[in-house]
Amino acid sequence: MEFHRTNNILHVKHLLGHRKLENTEIYTHLINFESDEWHVAHAQNLDEENKLIEAGFEYIRYSDKDDVAIYRKRK
C-alpha cells in the first residue's frame, strides 16, 4: 500500500528492510488498487498549493484552460 501511495519502490524497500529489490517487487503486486477513489482539489495560487500539499495531496498537472493546478489524494 505504501508503494501505491508513494510510487517509490526504493522507499518501500527501505521500510521493509529488504536487501534485494526483487523481494520488494513481490509485495508491490499483491494488492489490486484499480477501484480506488480519489479526492480531487485545485489550487489557484501558491498558498492554496501549500495547504493541499500539507494535507497530503499530490500534484497531478496544471490546467492551462482553467489556470489552476490539479491535486489528488486517496479517500
Protein backbone atom coordinates (compact mmCIF):
# COMPACT_ATOMS: atom_id res chain seq x y z
CA MET A 1 0.00 0.00 0.00
CA GLU A 2 2.91 2.35 0.72
CA PHE A 3 4.25 1.76 -2.79
CA HIS A 4 0.88 2.57 -4.30
CA ARG A 5 0.67 5.73 -2.20
CA THR A 6 4.19 7.00 -2.93
CA ASN A 7 5.08 5.19 -6.18
CA ASN A 8 8.63 4.93 -4.79
CA ILE A 9 9.82 1.33 -4.67
CA LEU A 10 13.18 2.23 -3.12
CA HIS A 11 11.36 3.90 -0.21
CA VAL A 12 9.28 0.76 0.30
CA LYS A 13 12.39 -1.44 0.05
CA HIS A 14 13.95 0.56 2.87
CA LEU A 15 10.78 0.44 5.01
CA LEU A 16 10.55 -3.34 4.66
CA GLY A 17 14.25 -3.83 5.31
CA HIS A 18 14.85 -5.79 2.12
CA ARG A 19 18.34 -6.16 0.71
CA LYS A 20 17.18 -7.09 -2.79
CA LEU A 21 14.75 -5.05 -4.84
CA GLU A 22 13.31 -8.28 -6.25
CA ASN A 23 11.95 -9.16 -2.80
CA THR A 24 10.17 -5.82 -2.55
CA GLU A 25 8.67 -6.19 -6.02
CA ILE A 26 6.87 -9.33 -4.86
CA TYR A 27 4.87 -7.32 -2.32
CA THR A 28 4.04 -4.41 -4.62
CA HIS A 29 1.92 -6.66 -6.84
CA LEU A 30 -0.20 -8.35 -4.17
CA ILE A 31 -2.98 -5.77 -3.90
CA ASN A 32 -5.28 -4.59 -6.69
CA PHE A 33 -5.94 -0.84 -6.42
CA GLU A 34 -7.88 -0.39 -9.65
CA SER A 35 -11.10 0.66 -7.91
CA ASP A 36 -9.51 3.29 -5.66
CA GLU A 37 -11.33 6.55 -5.23
CA TRP A 38 -9.69 9.97 -5.02
CA HIS A 39 -10.38 13.38 -3.55
CA VAL A 40 -9.57 15.94 -6.22
CA ALA A 41 -8.74 19.59 -5.50
CA HIS A 42 -7.32 22.54 -7.36
CA ALA A 43 -5.17 25.50 -6.38
CA GLN A 44 -5.03 28.92 -7.99
CA ASN A 45 -2.10 30.29 -6.03
CA LEU A 46 0.95 29.20 -4.05
CA ASP A 47 -0.78 29.47 -0.66
CA GLU A 48 -3.56 27.11 -1.77
CA GLU A 49 -0.97 24.69 -3.18
CA ASN A 50 0.95 24.66 0.11
CA LYS A 51 -2.23 23.86 2.04
CA LEU A 52 -3.07 20.96 -0.28
CA ILE A 53 0.44 19.51 -0.04
CA GLU A 54 0.39 19.79 3.76
CA ALA A 55 -2.96 17.94 3.74
CA GLY A 56 -1.37 15.05 1.82
CA PHE A 57 -2.44 15.86 -1.73
CA GLU A 58 -0.13 15.08 -4.63
CA TYR A 59 0.35 17.26 -7.71
CA ILE A 60 -1.13 15.85 -10.92
CA ARG A 61 -0.96 18.52 -13.60
CA TYR A 62 -1.55 22.16 -14.47
CA SER A 63 -4.64 23.13 -16.44
CA ASP A 64 -3.84 26.00 -18.79
CA LYS A 65 -7.51 26.19 -19.75
CA ASP A 66 -8.70 26.83 -16.18
CA ASP A 67 -5.43 28.35 -14.92
CA VAL A 68 -5.26 26.01 -11.89
CA ALA A 69 -3.00 23.28 -10.53
CA ILE A 70 -4.80 19.96 -10.00
CA TYR A 71 -4.07 17.73 -6.98
CA ARG A 72 -5.40 14.39 -5.74
CA LYS A 73 -5.43 12.33 -2.54
CA ARG A 74 -6.78 8.86 -1.84
CA LYS A 75 -10.09 8.66 0.00
